[in-house]
Amino acid sequence: MSINAFHILFGAVAVIILYIAAIAVLLRTKSGILPYMSLILFPVIAPLGILLENYNRKIK
């Protein structure tokens, strides 16, 4: 199985959606500068961490 343009486009759209959701959570919770820096330094893992933290916060 080779990687074609559809796979690359799907991955890019998924990362963009993660970024939009993570930035929306950060703006709503009025976070400091460190979470935004983590978005720049860790492009895929940081949005997932931010969203999971927000999810865990809602459960408690």
PDB file of N, CA and C in Angstrom:
ATOM      1  N   MET A   1       0.847  -1.177   0.000  1.00  0.00           N
ATOM      2  CA  MET A   1       0.000   0.000   0.000  1.00  0.00           C
ATOM      3  C   MET A   1       0.889   1.236   0.000  1.00  0.00           C
ATOM      4  N   SER A   2       0.691   2.076  -0.961  1.00  0.00           N
ATOM      5  CA  SER A   2       1.496   3.286  -1.053  1.00  0.00           C
ATOM      6  C   SER A   2       0.686   4.496  -0.574  1.00  0.00           C
ATOM      7  N   ILE A   3       1.398   5.501  -0.209  1.00  0.00           N
ATOM      8  CA  ILE A   3       0.752   6.740   0.244  1.00  0.00           C
ATOM      9  C   ILE A   3       0.463   7.582  -0.987  1.00  0.00           C
ATOM     10  N   ASN A   4      -0.792   7.932  -1.154  1.00  0.00           N
ATOM     11  CA  ASN A   4      -1.165   8.774  -2.282  1.00  0.00           C
ATOM     12  C   ASN A   4      -1.639  10.142  -1.784  1.00  0.00           C
ATOM     13  N   ALA A   5      -2.075  10.962  -2.685  1.00  0.00           N
ATOM     14  CA  ALA A   5      -2.475  12.335  -2.356  1.00  0.00           C
ATOM     15  C   ALA A   5      -3.675  12.353  -1.407  1.00  0.00           C
ATOM     16  N   PHE A   6      -4.567  11.397  -1.518  1.00  0.00           N
ATOM     17  CA  PHE A   6      -5.733  11.360  -0.639  1.00  0.00           C
ATOM     18  C   PHE A   6      -5.321  11.143   0.816  1.00  0.00           C
ATOM     19  N   HIS A   7      -4.354  10.268   1.058  1.00  0.00           N
ATOM     20  CA  HIS A   7      -3.881  10.024   2.424  1.00  0.00           C
ATOM     21  C   HIS A   7      -3.237  11.272   3.017  1.00  0.00           C
ATOM     22  N   ILE A   8      -2.440  11.964   2.227  1.00  0.00           N
ATOM     23  CA  ILE A   8      -1.794  13.187   2.692  1.00  0.00           C
ATOM     24  C   ILE A   8      -2.831  14.253   2.986  1.00  0.00           C
ATOM     25  N   LEU A   9      -3.802  14.400   2.118  1.00  0.00           N
ATOM     26  CA  LEU A   9      -4.863  15.392   2.323  1.00  0.00           C
ATOM     27  C   LEU A   9      -5.692  15.057   3.553  1.00  0.00           C
ATOM     28  N   PHE A  10      -6.007  13.804   3.757  1.00  0.00           N
ATOM     29  CA  PHE A  10      -6.773  13.377   4.930  1.00  0.00           C
ATOM     30  C   PHE A  10      -6.003  13.673   6.218  1.00  0.00           C
ATOM     31  N   GLY A  11      -4.715  13.384   6.240  1.00  0.00           N
ATOM     32  CA  GLY A  11      -3.889  13.676   7.408  1.00  0.00           C
ATOM     33  C   GLY A  11      -3.809  15.164   7.690  1.00  0.00           C
ATOM     34  N   ALA A  12      -3.657  15.969   6.655  1.00  0.00           N
ATOM     35  CA  ALA A  12      -3.575  17.419   6.833  1.00  0.00           C
ATOM     36  C   ALA A  12      -4.889  17.972   7.373  1.00  0.00           C
ATOM     37  N   VAL A  13      -6.000  17.510   6.870  1.00  0.00           N
ATOM     38  CA  VAL A  13      -7.306  17.976   7.353  1.00  0.00           C
ATOM     39  C   VAL A  13      -7.522  17.552   8.805  1.00  0.00           C
ATOM     40  N   ALA A  14      -7.096  16.347   9.156  1.00  0.00           N
ATOM     41  CA  ALA A  14      -7.236  15.885  10.537  1.00  0.00           C
ATOM     42  C   ALA A  14      -6.429  16.752  11.491  1.00  0.00           C
ATOM     43  N   VAL A  15      -5.206  17.104  11.116  1.00  0.00           N
ATOM     44  CA  VAL A  15      -4.367  17.952  11.972  1.00  0.00           C
ATOM     45  C   VAL A  15      -4.954  19.355  12.078  1.00  0.00           C
ATOM     46  N   ILE A  16      -5.488  19.886  10.993  1.00  0.00           N
ATOM     47  CA  ILE A  16      -6.111  21.220  11.021  1.00  0.00           C
ATOM     48  C   ILE A  16      -7.316  21.223  11.951  1.00  0.00           C
ATOM     49  N   ILE A  17      -8.122  20.185  11.905  1.00  0.00           N
ATOM     50  CA  ILE A  17      -9.292  20.094  12.790  1.00  0.00           C
ATOM     51  C   ILE A  17      -8.848  20.004  14.245  1.00  0.00           C
ATOM     52  N   LEU A  18      -7.784  19.234  14.515  1.00  0.00           N
ATOM     53  CA  LEU A  18      -7.252  19.156  15.878  1.00  0.00           C
ATOM     54  C   LEU A  18      -6.785  20.525  16.358  1.00  0.00           C
ATOM     55  N   TYR A  19      -6.085  21.257  15.505  1.00  0.00           N
ATOM     56  CA  TYR A  19      -5.609  22.594  15.873  1.00  0.00           C
ATOM     57  C   TYR A  19      -6.769  23.526  16.185  1.00  0.00           C
ATOM     58  N   ILE A  20      -7.791  23.536  15.348  1.00  0.00           N
ATOM     59  CA  ILE A  20      -8.944  24.423  15.559  1.00  0.00           C
ATOM     60  C   ILE A  20      -9.624  24.105  16.877  1.00  0.00           C
ATOM     61  N   ALA A  21      -9.823  22.828  17.153  1.00  0.00           N
ATOM     62  CA  ALA A  21     -10.474  22.437  18.401  1.00  0.00           C
ATOM     63  C   ALA A  21      -9.620  22.797  19.611  1.00  0.00           C
ATOM     64  N   ALA A  22      -8.314  22.564  19.534  1.00  0.00           N
ATOM     65  CA  ALA A  22      -7.427  22.866  20.662  1.00  0.00           C
ATOM     66  C   ALA A  22      -7.350  24.359  20.924  1.00  0.00           C
ATOM     67  N   ILE A  23      -7.269  25.164  19.885  1.00  0.00           N
ATOM     68  CA  ILE A  23      -7.218  26.620  20.068  1.00  0.00           C
ATOM     69  C   ILE A  23      -8.528  27.131  20.629  1.00  0.00           C
ATOM     70  N   ALA A  24      -9.648  26.559  20.212  1.00  0.00           N
ATOM     71  CA  ALA A  24     -10.941  26.965  20.767  1.00  0.00           C
ATOM     72  C   ALA A  24     -11.003  26.662  22.262  1.00  0.00           C
ATOM     73  N   VAL A  25     -10.496  25.505  22.675  1.00  0.00           N
ATOM     74  CA  VAL A  25     -10.475  25.157  24.101  1.00  0.00           C
ATOM     75  C   VAL A  25      -9.565  26.111  24.860  1.00  0.00           C
ATOM     76  N   LEU A  26      -8.394  26.412  24.298  1.00  0.00           N
ATOM     77  CA  LEU A  26      -7.457  27.306  24.985  1.00  0.00           C
ATOM     78  C   LEU A  26      -8.025  28.719  25.116  1.00  0.00           C
ATOM     79  N   LEU A  27      -8.698  29.198  24.101  1.00  0.00           N
ATOM     80  CA  LEU A  27      -9.288  30.535  24.181  1.00  0.00           C
ATOM     81  C   LEU A  27     -10.438  30.575  25.187  1.00  0.00           C
ATOM     82  N   ARG A  28     -11.200  29.496  25.252  1.00  0.00           N
ATOM     83  CA  ARG A  28     -12.334  29.459  26.170  1.00  0.00           C
ATOM     84  C   ARG A  28     -11.873  29.379  27.625  1.00  0.00           C
ATOM     85  N   THR A  29     -10.765  28.681  27.879  1.00  0.00           N
ATOM     86  CA  THR A  29     -10.291  28.537  29.253  1.00  0.00           C
ATOM     87  C   THR A  29      -9.298  29.622  29.645  1.00  0.00           C
ATOM     88  N   LYS A  30      -8.976  30.526  28.731  1.00  0.00           N
ATOM     89  CA  LYS A  30      -8.054  31.637  28.981  1.00  0.00           C
ATOM     90  C   LYS A  30      -6.726  31.132  29.535  1.00  0.00           C
ATOM     91  N   SER A  31      -6.089  30.249  28.786  1.00  0.00           N
ATOM     92  CA  SER A  31      -4.815  29.649  29.199  1.00  0.00           C
ATOM     93  C   SER A  31      -3.667  30.629  28.997  1.00  0.00           C
ATOM     94  N   GLY A  32      -2.531  30.292  29.588  1.00  0.00           N
ATOM     95  CA  GLY A  32      -1.323  31.101  29.437  1.00  0.00           C
ATOM     96  C   GLY A  32      -0.630  30.828  28.116  1.00  0.00           C
ATOM     97  N   ILE A  33       0.633  31.199  28.048  1.00  0.00           N
ATOM     98  CA  ILE A  33       1.394  31.079  26.806  1.00  0.00           C
ATOM     99  C   ILE A  33       1.942  29.669  26.568  1.00  0.00           C
ATOM    100  N   LEU A  34       2.171  28.891  27.623  1.00  0.00           N
ATOM    101  CA  LEU A  34       2.796  27.576  27.465  1.00  0.00           C
ATOM    102  C   LEU A  34       2.001  26.600  26.598  1.00  0.00           C
ATOM    103  N   PRO A  35       0.679  26.507  26.744  1.00  0.00           N
ATOM    104  CA  PRO A  35      -0.049  25.593  25.839  1.00  0.00           C
ATOM    105  C   PRO A  35       0.054  25.991  24.367  1.00  0.00           C
ATOM    106  N   TYR A  36       0.102  27.304  24.105  1.00  0.00           N
ATOM    107  CA  TYR A  36       0.245  27.744  22.717  1.00  0.00           C
ATOM    108  C   TYR A  36       1.627  27.400  22.178  1.00  0.00           C
ATOM    109  N   MET A  37       2.643  27.503  23.031  1.00  0.00           N
ATOM    110  CA  MET A  37       3.995  27.120  22.616  1.00  0.00           C
ATOM    111  C   MET A  37       4.078  25.619  22.349  1.00  0.00           C
ATOM    112  N   SER A  38       3.360  24.837  23.148  1.00  0.00           N
ATOM    113  CA  SER A  38       3.378  23.394  22.920  1.00  0.00           C
ATOM    114  C   SER A  38       2.709  23.037  21.592  1.00  0.00           C
ATOM    115  N   LEU A  39       1.728  23.822  21.172  1.00  0.00           N
ATOM    116  CA  LEU A  39       1.111  23.586  19.863  1.00  0.00           C
ATOM    117  C   LEU A  39       2.117  23.776  18.741  1.00  0.00           C
ATOM    118  N   ILE A  40       3.001  24.743  18.904  1.00  0.00           N
ATOM    119  CA  ILE A  40       3.999  24.991  17.869  1.00  0.00           C
ATOM    120  C   ILE A  40       5.084  23.912  17.894  1.00  0.00           C
ATOM    121  N   LEU A  41       5.514  23.520  19.099  1.00  0.00           N
ATOM    122  CA  LEU A  41       6.619  22.571  19.205  1.00  0.00           C
ATOM    123  C   LEU A  41       6.212  21.125  18.918  1.00  0.00           C
ATOM    124  N   PHE A  42       5.003  20.746  19.305  1.00  0.00           N
ATOM    125  CA  PHE A  42       4.532  19.369  19.122  1.00  0.00           C
ATOM    126  C   PHE A  42       3.214  19.395  18.344  1.00  0.00           C
ATOM    127  N   PRO A  43       3.275  19.403  17.026  1.00  0.00           N
ATOM    128  CA  PRO A  43       2.090  19.688  16.214  1.00  0.00           C
ATOM    129  C   PRO A  43       0.944  18.679  16.295  1.00  0.00           C
ATOM    130  N   VAL A  44       1.187  17.431  16.608  1.00  0.00           N
ATOM    131  CA  VAL A  44       0.097  16.452  16.634  1.00  0.00           C
ATOM    132  C   VAL A  44      -0.260  16.058  18.061  1.00  0.00           C
ATOM    133  N   ILE A  45       0.743  15.872  18.905  1.00  0.00           N
ATOM    134  CA  ILE A  45       0.493  15.380  20.263  1.00  0.00           C
ATOM    135  C   ILE A  45      -0.095  16.466  21.160  1.00  0.00           C
ATOM    136  N   ALA A  46       0.335  17.706  20.998  1.00  0.00           N
ATOM    137  CA  ALA A  46      -0.154  18.791  21.864  1.00  0.00           C
ATOM    138  C   ALA A  46      -1.664  19.019  21.725  1.00  0.00           C
ATOM    139  N   PRO A  47      -2.223  19.100  20.512  1.00  0.00           N
ATOM    140  CA  PRO A  47      -3.684  19.265  20.437  1.00  0.00           C
ATOM    141  C   PRO A  47      -4.446  18.104  21.060  1.00  0.00           C
ATOM    142  N   LEU A  48      -3.934  16.889  20.886  1.00  0.00           N
ATOM    143  CA  LEU A  48      -4.591  15.736  21.508  1.00  0.00           C
ATOM    144  C   LEU A  48      -4.546  15.845  23.031  1.00  0.00           C
ATOM    145  N   GLY A  49      -3.411  16.257  23.570  1.00  0.00           N
ATOM    146  CA  GLY A  49      -3.287  16.427  25.019  1.00  0.00           C
ATOM    147  C   GLY A  49      -4.210  17.499  25.558  1.00  0.00           C
ATOM    148  N   ILE A  50      -4.321  18.607  24.834  1.00  0.00           N
ATOM    149  CA  ILE A  50      -5.200  19.699  25.267  1.00  0.00           C
ATOM    150  C   ILE A  50      -6.651  19.243  25.258  1.00  0.00           C
ATOM    151  N   LEU A  51      -7.047  18.532  24.212  1.00  0.00           N
ATOM    152  CA  LEU A  51      -8.441  18.077  24.124  1.00  0.00           C
ATOM    153  C   LEU A  51      -8.749  17.018  25.177  1.00  0.00           C
ATOM    154  N   LEU A  52      -7.801  16.113  25.429  1.00  0.00           N
ATOM    155  CA  LEU A  52      -8.026  15.091  26.452  1.00  0.00           C
ATOM    156  C   LEU A  52      -8.070  15.697  27.847  1.00  0.00           C
ATOM    157  N   GLU A  53      -7.241  16.707  28.096  1.00  0.00           N
ATOM    158  CA  GLU A  53      -7.282  17.379  29.395  1.00  0.00           C
ATOM    159  C   GLU A  53      -8.629  18.063  29.606  1.00  0.00           C
ATOM    160  N   ASN A  54      -9.130  18.709  28.565  1.00  0.00           N
ATOM    161  CA  ASN A  54     -10.432  19.363  28.669  1.00  0.00           C
ATOM    162  C   ASN A  54     -11.540  18.327  28.886  1.00  0.00           C
ATOM    163  N   TYR A  55     -11.436  17.185  28.214  1.00  0.00           N
ATOM    164  CA  TYR A  55     -12.425  16.124  28.384  1.00  0.00           C
ATOM    165  C   TYR A  55     -12.403  15.587  29.813  1.00  0.00           C
ATOM    166  N   ASN A  56     -11.194  15.365  30.354  1.00  0.00           N
ATOM    167  CA  ASN A  56     -11.082  14.880  31.738  1.00  0.00           C
ATOM    168  C   ASN A  56     -11.594  15.905  32.741  1.00  0.00           C
ATOM    169  N   ARG A  57     -11.399  17.172  32.438  1.00  0.00           N
ATOM    170  CA  ARG A  57     -11.885  18.226  33.319  1.00  0.00           C
ATOM    171  C   ARG A  57     -13.429  18.232  33.359  1.00  0.00           C
ATOM    172  N   LYS A  58     -14.055  17.941  32.218  1.00  0.00           N
ATOM    173  CA  LYS A  58     -15.516  17.921  32.165  1.00  0.00           C
ATOM    174  C   LYS A  58     -16.100  16.724  32.881  1.00  0.00           C
ATOM    175  N   ILE A  59     -15.372  15.606  32.896  1.00  0.00           N
ATOM    176  CA  ILE A  59     -15.876  14.392  33.542  1.00  0.00           C
ATOM    177  C   ILE A  59     -15.935  14.566  35.055  1.00  0.00           C
ATOM    178  N   LYS A  60     -14.938  15.221  35.623  1.00  0.00           N
ATOM    179  CA  LYS A  60     -14.856  15.362  37.091  1.00  0.00           C
ATOM    180  C   LYS A  60     -15.886  16.267  37.637  1.00  0.00           C
TER     181      LYS A  60
END
